[in-house]
Amino acid sequence: MSRLIPAAALCAALALAAPLGAKGPAPAPGPVFSPSELPYPFSSAVQVGDVLYLSGQLGAEDGGGKVVPGGIGPESEQMFRRIGQTLTQHGLSFDDVFKCSVFLADMADWPAFNTIYARHFKPGRYPARSAMGVNGLALGARVEMECWAHKPQKR
């Protein structure tokens, strides 16, 4: 027959087992928002824990008013440039990206996009990725991509 230990006695025993004045790990800070330089209501990135979540980027001209001309190639290159700028602002590079979501206005652009995409990541270190066709993107863009990057918190 087993004896049940009263809950109060168990809690007291556990409290005494911890060294006096010992502190547990500091709680993780809440989300850290990085405002966008564009005139739209979103952050360029938000850090939560060790992950930096980058907002979707288009191949927009500086100022964000319209996409660069020329189709999927120039738009994709500009989009990667904008993503690279956001990563750099946070002390990161494409080497730190581990997840991408790609939105294409026309899935027929997928092969051309893949060629450009592959140039921005090291072979064997491609991020996990989803790619989907969508029925329209902001500013009439052909492509948009959002990324997640590893950015360890300072502890």
N, C-alpha and C. Protein backbone atom coordinates (compact mmCIF):
# COMPACT_ATOMS: atom_id res chain seq x y z
N MET A 1 0.85 -1.16 0.00
CA MET A 1 0.00 0.00 0.00
C MET A 1 0.90 1.23 0.00
N SER A 2 0.63 2.16 -0.88
CA SER A 2 1.45 3.35 -0.97
C SER A 2 0.80 4.51 -0.23
N ARG A 3 1.65 5.39 0.22
CA ARG A 3 1.15 6.58 0.91
C ARG A 3 1.12 7.74 -0.07
N LEU A 4 0.16 8.56 0.03
CA LEU A 4 0.08 9.77 -0.78
C LEU A 4 0.73 10.91 -0.01
N ILE A 5 1.59 11.65 -0.68
CA ILE A 5 2.24 12.80 -0.06
C ILE A 5 1.34 14.00 -0.27
N PRO A 6 0.99 14.70 0.79
CA PRO A 6 0.15 15.89 0.60
C PRO A 6 0.84 16.88 -0.32
N ALA A 7 0.06 17.56 -1.15
CA ALA A 7 0.60 18.50 -2.13
C ALA A 7 1.43 19.60 -1.48
N ALA A 8 1.01 20.10 -0.34
CA ALA A 8 1.76 21.18 0.33
C ALA A 8 3.14 20.69 0.75
N ALA A 9 3.24 19.47 1.24
CA ALA A 9 4.53 18.92 1.66
C ALA A 9 5.45 18.73 0.45
N LEU A 10 4.90 18.29 -0.66
CA LEU A 10 5.69 18.10 -1.87
C LEU A 10 6.23 19.44 -2.39
N CYS A 11 5.39 20.46 -2.40
CA CYS A 11 5.83 21.79 -2.85
C CYS A 11 6.92 22.34 -1.94
N ALA A 12 6.77 22.15 -0.64
CA ALA A 12 7.78 22.64 0.30
C ALA A 12 9.10 21.91 0.08
N ALA A 13 9.06 20.62 -0.15
CA ALA A 13 10.28 19.85 -0.38
C ALA A 13 10.98 20.31 -1.65
N LEU A 14 10.22 20.56 -2.71
CA LEU A 14 10.82 21.02 -3.95
C LEU A 14 11.42 22.42 -3.78
N ALA A 15 10.77 23.29 -3.03
CA ALA A 15 11.30 24.65 -2.82
C ALA A 15 12.60 24.60 -2.04
N LEU A 16 12.70 23.71 -1.07
CA LEU A 16 13.92 23.60 -0.27
C LEU A 16 15.05 22.97 -1.06
N ALA A 17 14.72 22.16 -2.06
CA ALA A 17 15.75 21.48 -2.85
C ALA A 17 16.48 22.47 -3.76
N ALA A 18 15.84 23.57 -4.13
CA ALA A 18 16.49 24.56 -4.99
C ALA A 18 17.39 25.45 -4.14
N PRO A 19 18.60 25.75 -4.60
CA PRO A 19 19.49 26.62 -3.84
C PRO A 19 18.85 27.99 -3.64
N LEU A 20 19.08 28.57 -2.47
CA LEU A 20 18.53 29.89 -2.19
C LEU A 20 19.12 30.91 -3.15
N GLY A 21 18.29 31.78 -3.63
CA GLY A 21 18.75 32.84 -4.53
C GLY A 21 18.98 32.37 -5.96
N ALA A 22 18.78 31.08 -6.23
CA ALA A 22 19.01 30.59 -7.60
C ALA A 22 17.91 31.12 -8.50
N LYS A 23 18.31 31.52 -9.68
CA LYS A 23 17.35 32.03 -10.65
C LYS A 23 17.33 31.09 -11.84
N GLY A 24 16.16 30.91 -12.38
CA GLY A 24 16.02 30.11 -13.59
C GLY A 24 16.44 30.94 -14.79
N PRO A 25 16.32 30.36 -15.96
CA PRO A 25 16.67 31.11 -17.16
C PRO A 25 15.77 32.33 -17.30
N ALA A 26 16.33 33.40 -17.82
CA ALA A 26 15.56 34.62 -18.03
C ALA A 26 14.46 34.34 -19.05
N PRO A 27 13.29 34.90 -18.82
CA PRO A 27 12.23 34.67 -19.80
C PRO A 27 12.62 35.30 -21.14
N ALA A 28 12.20 34.64 -22.19
CA ALA A 28 12.50 35.15 -23.53
C ALA A 28 11.75 36.46 -23.73
N PRO A 29 12.40 37.44 -24.36
CA PRO A 29 11.69 38.69 -24.61
C PRO A 29 10.56 38.47 -25.61
N GLY A 30 9.61 39.36 -25.59
CA GLY A 30 8.50 39.28 -26.54
C GLY A 30 8.97 39.62 -27.94
N PRO A 31 8.05 39.68 -28.88
CA PRO A 31 8.41 40.00 -30.26
C PRO A 31 9.11 41.36 -30.37
N VAL A 32 10.09 41.43 -31.27
CA VAL A 32 10.79 42.68 -31.55
C VAL A 32 10.44 43.04 -32.99
N PHE A 33 9.78 44.18 -33.16
CA PHE A 33 9.28 44.60 -34.47
C PHE A 33 10.25 45.55 -35.14
N SER A 34 10.53 45.33 -36.42
CA SER A 34 11.38 46.21 -37.23
C SER A 34 10.48 46.90 -38.24
N PRO A 35 10.25 48.20 -38.08
CA PRO A 35 9.33 48.89 -39.00
C PRO A 35 9.83 48.85 -40.44
N SER A 36 8.89 48.84 -41.34
CA SER A 36 9.22 48.88 -42.77
C SER A 36 9.48 50.31 -43.18
N GLU A 37 10.38 50.50 -44.14
CA GLU A 37 10.61 51.84 -44.69
C GLU A 37 9.56 52.16 -45.76
N LEU A 38 8.76 51.18 -46.12
CA LEU A 38 7.73 51.38 -47.13
C LEU A 38 6.48 51.98 -46.48
N PRO A 39 5.65 52.65 -47.26
CA PRO A 39 4.47 53.32 -46.70
C PRO A 39 3.26 52.38 -46.54
N TYR A 40 3.51 51.17 -46.04
CA TYR A 40 2.44 50.19 -45.88
C TYR A 40 2.40 49.70 -44.43
N PRO A 41 1.26 49.21 -43.97
CA PRO A 41 1.10 48.84 -42.56
C PRO A 41 1.62 47.43 -42.22
N PHE A 42 2.92 47.25 -42.27
CA PHE A 42 3.52 45.99 -41.83
C PHE A 42 4.96 46.24 -41.41
N SER A 43 5.51 45.30 -40.65
CA SER A 43 6.92 45.36 -40.26
C SER A 43 7.75 44.67 -41.34
N SER A 44 8.99 45.11 -41.52
CA SER A 44 9.84 44.41 -42.48
C SER A 44 10.25 43.06 -41.93
N ALA A 45 10.35 42.96 -40.59
CA ALA A 45 10.69 41.70 -39.94
C ALA A 45 10.26 41.77 -38.48
N VAL A 46 10.04 40.60 -37.90
CA VAL A 46 9.71 40.48 -36.48
C VAL A 46 10.53 39.33 -35.93
N GLN A 47 11.25 39.59 -34.84
CA GLN A 47 12.01 38.52 -34.21
C GLN A 47 11.24 38.00 -33.01
N VAL A 48 11.09 36.68 -32.96
CA VAL A 48 10.47 35.99 -31.84
C VAL A 48 11.42 34.86 -31.47
N GLY A 49 11.97 34.91 -30.27
CA GLY A 49 12.95 33.91 -29.87
C GLY A 49 14.15 33.98 -30.79
N ASP A 50 14.56 32.84 -31.31
CA ASP A 50 15.74 32.76 -32.17
C ASP A 50 15.40 32.81 -33.66
N VAL A 51 14.16 33.19 -33.98
CA VAL A 51 13.73 33.22 -35.38
C VAL A 51 13.37 34.65 -35.79
N LEU A 52 13.91 35.07 -36.93
CA LEU A 52 13.55 36.34 -37.54
C LEU A 52 12.60 36.02 -38.69
N TYR A 53 11.38 36.53 -38.60
CA TYR A 53 10.36 36.33 -39.62
C TYR A 53 10.36 37.55 -40.53
N LEU A 54 10.71 37.37 -41.80
CA LEU A 54 10.73 38.48 -42.75
C LEU A 54 9.40 38.55 -43.49
N SER A 55 8.88 39.75 -43.60
CA SER A 55 7.66 39.94 -44.38
C SER A 55 7.93 39.59 -45.83
N GLY A 56 6.86 39.28 -46.54
CA GLY A 56 7.00 39.01 -47.96
C GLY A 56 7.55 40.22 -48.68
N GLN A 57 8.41 39.97 -49.65
CA GLN A 57 9.01 41.04 -50.45
C GLN A 57 8.64 40.81 -51.91
N LEU A 58 8.38 41.91 -52.57
CA LEU A 58 8.16 41.93 -54.03
C LEU A 58 9.41 42.46 -54.69
N GLY A 59 9.44 42.41 -55.98
CA GLY A 59 10.52 43.04 -56.73
C GLY A 59 10.20 44.51 -56.94
N ALA A 60 9.88 45.21 -55.87
CA ALA A 60 9.47 46.62 -55.96
C ALA A 60 10.68 47.54 -56.04
N GLU A 61 10.49 48.63 -56.76
CA GLU A 61 11.51 49.68 -56.80
C GLU A 61 11.66 50.26 -55.40
N ASP A 62 12.77 50.92 -55.15
CA ASP A 62 12.94 51.59 -53.86
C ASP A 62 11.79 52.57 -53.69
N GLY A 63 11.21 52.58 -52.51
CA GLY A 63 10.02 53.39 -52.26
C GLY A 63 8.76 52.57 -52.34
N GLY A 64 8.81 51.41 -53.01
CA GLY A 64 7.72 50.46 -53.02
C GLY A 64 6.50 50.82 -53.84
N GLY A 65 6.58 51.85 -54.69
CA GLY A 65 5.40 52.27 -55.44
C GLY A 65 5.02 51.39 -56.60
N LYS A 66 6.00 50.73 -57.20
CA LYS A 66 5.72 49.85 -58.34
C LYS A 66 6.85 48.84 -58.48
N VAL A 67 6.55 47.73 -59.18
CA VAL A 67 7.57 46.70 -59.38
C VAL A 67 8.50 47.13 -60.51
N VAL A 68 9.71 46.59 -60.47
CA VAL A 68 10.66 46.88 -61.54
C VAL A 68 10.13 46.27 -62.84
N PRO A 69 10.40 46.88 -63.98
CA PRO A 69 9.91 46.33 -65.25
C PRO A 69 10.76 45.15 -65.70
N GLY A 70 10.18 44.34 -66.58
CA GLY A 70 10.96 43.29 -67.22
C GLY A 70 10.52 41.88 -66.92
N GLY A 71 9.56 41.68 -66.01
CA GLY A 71 9.06 40.34 -65.77
C GLY A 71 9.73 39.61 -64.62
N ILE A 72 9.60 38.30 -64.65
CA ILE A 72 10.00 37.46 -63.52
C ILE A 72 11.49 37.58 -63.18
N GLY A 73 12.37 37.68 -64.18
CA GLY A 73 13.80 37.76 -63.90
C GLY A 73 14.18 39.01 -63.12
N PRO A 74 13.93 40.19 -63.66
CA PRO A 74 14.27 41.41 -62.92
C PRO A 74 13.52 41.54 -61.58
N GLU A 75 12.26 41.13 -61.57
CA GLU A 75 11.50 41.20 -60.31
C GLU A 75 12.13 40.30 -59.25
N SER A 76 12.50 39.09 -59.64
CA SER A 76 13.09 38.16 -58.68
C SER A 76 14.42 38.69 -58.15
N GLU A 77 15.25 39.21 -59.03
CA GLU A 77 16.55 39.75 -58.60
C GLU A 77 16.35 40.91 -57.63
N GLN A 78 15.41 41.80 -57.93
CA GLN A 78 15.12 42.93 -57.04
C GLN A 78 14.56 42.44 -55.71
N MET A 79 13.69 41.45 -55.76
CA MET A 79 13.13 40.88 -54.54
C MET A 79 14.24 40.31 -53.66
N PHE A 80 15.19 39.57 -54.25
CA PHE A 80 16.30 39.02 -53.47
C PHE A 80 17.18 40.14 -52.92
N ARG A 81 17.35 41.21 -53.67
CA ARG A 81 18.13 42.34 -53.16
C ARG A 81 17.46 42.94 -51.93
N ARG A 82 16.15 43.10 -51.98
CA ARG A 82 15.41 43.67 -50.84
C ARG A 82 15.46 42.73 -49.63
N ILE A 83 15.32 41.44 -49.86
CA ILE A 83 15.42 40.48 -48.76
C ILE A 83 16.83 40.52 -48.17
N GLY A 84 17.84 40.56 -49.03
CA GLY A 84 19.23 40.65 -48.56
C GLY A 84 19.47 41.88 -47.71
N GLN A 85 18.86 43.02 -48.08
CA GLN A 85 19.01 44.23 -47.28
C GLN A 85 18.42 44.04 -45.88
N THR A 86 17.25 43.43 -45.80
CA THR A 86 16.63 43.20 -44.50
C THR A 86 17.49 42.26 -43.66
N LEU A 87 18.00 41.21 -44.28
CA LEU A 87 18.88 40.29 -43.54
C LEU A 87 20.11 41.02 -43.03
N THR A 88 20.73 41.82 -43.87
CA THR A 88 21.94 42.56 -43.49
C THR A 88 21.66 43.52 -42.33
N GLN A 89 20.51 44.17 -42.35
CA GLN A 89 20.13 45.08 -41.26
C GLN A 89 20.07 44.36 -39.92
N HIS A 90 19.88 43.06 -39.96
CA HIS A 90 19.80 42.25 -38.74
C HIS A 90 21.06 41.43 -38.51
N GLY A 91 22.13 41.74 -39.25
CA GLY A 91 23.39 41.03 -39.08
C GLY A 91 23.38 39.62 -39.63
N LEU A 92 22.50 39.36 -40.59
CA LEU A 92 22.35 38.01 -41.15
C LEU A 92 22.62 38.02 -42.64
N SER A 93 22.61 36.82 -43.23
CA SER A 93 22.76 36.65 -44.67
C SER A 93 21.83 35.53 -45.12
N PHE A 94 21.86 35.24 -46.41
CA PHE A 94 21.03 34.14 -46.92
C PHE A 94 21.45 32.80 -46.31
N ASP A 95 22.67 32.71 -45.79
CA ASP A 95 23.10 31.48 -45.11
C ASP A 95 22.27 31.18 -43.87
N ASP A 96 21.62 32.19 -43.30
CA ASP A 96 20.83 32.03 -42.08
C ASP A 96 19.37 31.69 -42.36
N VAL A 97 18.95 31.77 -43.60
CA VAL A 97 17.56 31.50 -43.97
C VAL A 97 17.33 29.99 -43.99
N PHE A 98 16.25 29.56 -43.31
CA PHE A 98 15.96 28.12 -43.28
C PHE A 98 14.58 27.76 -43.82
N LYS A 99 13.74 28.78 -44.13
CA LYS A 99 12.40 28.51 -44.67
C LYS A 99 11.99 29.66 -45.56
N CYS A 100 11.45 29.35 -46.73
CA CYS A 100 10.92 30.35 -47.65
C CYS A 100 9.54 29.91 -48.13
N SER A 101 8.66 30.88 -48.31
CA SER A 101 7.37 30.67 -48.96
C SER A 101 7.34 31.58 -50.18
N VAL A 102 7.09 30.98 -51.33
CA VAL A 102 7.13 31.70 -52.61
C VAL A 102 5.72 31.72 -53.19
N PHE A 103 5.32 32.90 -53.65
CA PHE A 103 4.01 33.10 -54.26
C PHE A 103 4.24 33.59 -55.69
N LEU A 104 3.75 32.84 -56.65
CA LEU A 104 3.93 33.17 -58.06
C LEU A 104 2.57 33.49 -58.69
N ALA A 105 2.52 34.60 -59.42
CA ALA A 105 1.29 34.96 -60.11
C ALA A 105 0.99 33.99 -61.25
N ASP A 106 2.03 33.34 -61.76
CA ASP A 106 1.87 32.39 -62.86
C ASP A 106 2.87 31.25 -62.64
N MET A 107 2.37 30.05 -62.42
CA MET A 107 3.26 28.91 -62.16
C MET A 107 4.15 28.60 -63.35
N ALA A 108 3.85 29.14 -64.52
CA ALA A 108 4.74 28.97 -65.68
C ALA A 108 6.08 29.66 -65.43
N ASP A 109 6.14 30.60 -64.47
CA ASP A 109 7.38 31.29 -64.13
C ASP A 109 8.25 30.49 -63.16
N TRP A 110 7.75 29.35 -62.69
CA TRP A 110 8.46 28.57 -61.68
C TRP A 110 9.87 28.16 -62.11
N PRO A 111 10.09 27.62 -63.32
CA PRO A 111 11.46 27.24 -63.71
C PRO A 111 12.41 28.44 -63.74
N ALA A 112 11.99 29.57 -64.28
CA ALA A 112 12.85 30.75 -64.32
C ALA A 112 13.15 31.24 -62.91
N PHE A 113 12.14 31.23 -62.05
CA PHE A 113 12.36 31.65 -60.66
C PHE A 113 13.35 30.71 -59.97
N ASN A 114 13.20 29.41 -60.17
CA ASN A 114 14.10 28.44 -59.53
C ASN A 114 15.56 28.69 -59.89
N THR A 115 15.83 29.05 -61.12
CA THR A 115 17.20 29.33 -61.55
C THR A 115 17.79 30.49 -60.75
N ILE A 116 17.01 31.54 -60.58
CA ILE A 116 17.47 32.71 -59.81
C ILE A 116 17.57 32.35 -58.33
N TYR A 117 16.58 31.67 -57.80
CA TYR A 117 16.55 31.25 -56.39
C TYR A 117 17.81 30.46 -56.04
N ALA A 118 18.15 29.50 -56.87
CA ALA A 118 19.30 28.62 -56.58
C ALA A 118 20.61 29.39 -56.47
N ARG A 119 20.74 30.51 -57.16
CA ARG A 119 21.98 31.31 -57.09
C ARG A 119 22.17 32.00 -55.74
N HIS A 120 21.12 32.12 -54.97
CA HIS A 120 21.19 32.87 -53.71
C HIS A 120 21.43 31.99 -52.49
N PHE A 121 21.46 30.69 -52.69
CA PHE A 121 21.69 29.75 -51.59
C PHE A 121 22.77 28.75 -51.99
N LYS A 122 23.50 28.27 -50.99
CA LYS A 122 24.56 27.29 -51.26
C LYS A 122 23.96 25.92 -51.54
N PRO A 123 24.45 25.24 -52.56
CA PRO A 123 23.97 23.88 -52.81
C PRO A 123 24.13 23.03 -51.54
N GLY A 124 23.12 22.24 -51.28
CA GLY A 124 23.14 21.41 -50.07
C GLY A 124 22.62 22.13 -48.84
N ARG A 125 22.39 23.45 -48.95
CA ARG A 125 21.86 24.25 -47.83
C ARG A 125 20.64 25.06 -48.27
N TYR A 126 19.88 24.51 -49.20
CA TYR A 126 18.67 25.19 -49.63
C TYR A 126 17.65 25.18 -48.49
N PRO A 127 16.98 26.31 -48.25
CA PRO A 127 15.95 26.33 -47.20
C PRO A 127 14.78 25.42 -47.55
N ALA A 128 14.07 25.00 -46.52
CA ALA A 128 12.77 24.35 -46.76
C ALA A 128 11.92 25.37 -47.49
N ARG A 129 11.05 24.92 -48.40
CA ARG A 129 10.34 25.89 -49.23
C ARG A 129 8.98 25.39 -49.64
N SER A 130 8.06 26.31 -49.72
CA SER A 130 6.76 26.10 -50.34
C SER A 130 6.66 27.07 -51.51
N ALA A 131 6.09 26.63 -52.61
CA ALA A 131 5.86 27.52 -53.75
C ALA A 131 4.44 27.29 -54.23
N MET A 132 3.72 28.38 -54.45
CA MET A 132 2.33 28.23 -54.86
C MET A 132 1.94 29.30 -55.85
N GLY A 133 1.02 28.94 -56.71
CA GLY A 133 0.44 29.91 -57.64
C GLY A 133 -0.69 30.64 -56.93
N VAL A 134 -0.76 31.93 -57.15
CA VAL A 134 -1.79 32.75 -56.50
C VAL A 134 -2.52 33.58 -57.54
N ASN A 135 -3.67 34.05 -57.17
CA ASN A 135 -4.50 34.84 -58.07
C ASN A 135 -4.30 36.32 -57.80
N GLY A 136 -3.10 36.80 -58.01
CA GLY A 136 -2.82 38.22 -57.86
C GLY A 136 -1.93 38.54 -56.67
N LEU A 137 -0.98 39.43 -56.90
CA LEU A 137 -0.07 39.91 -55.86
C LEU A 137 -0.13 41.44 -55.84
N ALA A 138 0.26 42.02 -54.74
CA ALA A 138 0.27 43.48 -54.62
C ALA A 138 1.07 44.10 -55.76
N LEU A 139 0.63 45.26 -56.19
CA LEU A 139 1.28 46.05 -57.24
C LEU A 139 1.38 45.32 -58.58
N GLY A 140 0.63 44.24 -58.75
CA GLY A 140 0.69 43.47 -59.99
C GLY A 140 1.97 42.67 -60.16
N ALA A 141 2.64 42.37 -59.03
CA ALA A 141 3.92 41.65 -59.06
C ALA A 141 3.74 40.24 -59.62
N ARG A 142 4.84 39.69 -60.12
CA ARG A 142 4.88 38.32 -60.63
C ARG A 142 5.28 37.34 -59.52
N VAL A 143 6.02 37.85 -58.48
CA VAL A 143 6.55 36.97 -57.44
C VAL A 143 6.63 37.72 -56.11
N GLU A 144 6.41 36.98 -55.04
CA GLU A 144 6.62 37.47 -53.67
C GLU A 144 7.20 36.32 -52.87
N MET A 145 8.10 36.65 -51.94
CA MET A 145 8.69 35.60 -51.10
C MET A 145 8.86 36.12 -49.69
N GLU A 146 8.50 35.28 -48.73
CA GLU A 146 8.76 35.56 -47.32
C GLU A 146 9.73 34.51 -46.81
N CYS A 147 10.53 34.90 -45.80
CA CYS A 147 11.57 34.00 -45.30
C CYS A 147 11.58 33.97 -43.78
N TRP A 148 12.10 32.89 -43.25
CA TRP A 148 12.40 32.76 -41.83
C TRP A 148 13.90 32.53 -41.73
N ALA A 149 14.53 33.22 -40.80
CA ALA A 149 15.97 33.10 -40.63
C ALA A 149 16.31 32.84 -39.16
N HIS A 150 17.39 32.12 -38.94
CA HIS A 150 17.87 31.82 -37.59
C HIS A 150 18.71 32.99 -37.09
N LYS A 151 18.28 33.58 -35.99
CA LYS A 151 19.02 34.69 -35.38
C LYS A 151 18.99 34.47 -33.87
N PRO A 152 20.03 33.81 -33.34
CA PRO A 152 20.05 33.53 -31.90
C PRO A 152 19.95 34.81 -31.08
N GLN A 153 19.12 34.74 -30.04
CA GLN A 153 19.00 35.84 -29.08
C GLN A 153 20.29 35.96 -28.30
N LYS A 154 20.63 37.18 -27.91
CA LYS A 154 21.74 37.36 -27.00
C LYS A 154 21.26 36.99 -25.61
N ARG A 155 21.99 36.14 -24.96
CA ARG A 155 21.55 35.69 -23.62
C ARG A 155 22.55 36.12 -22.58
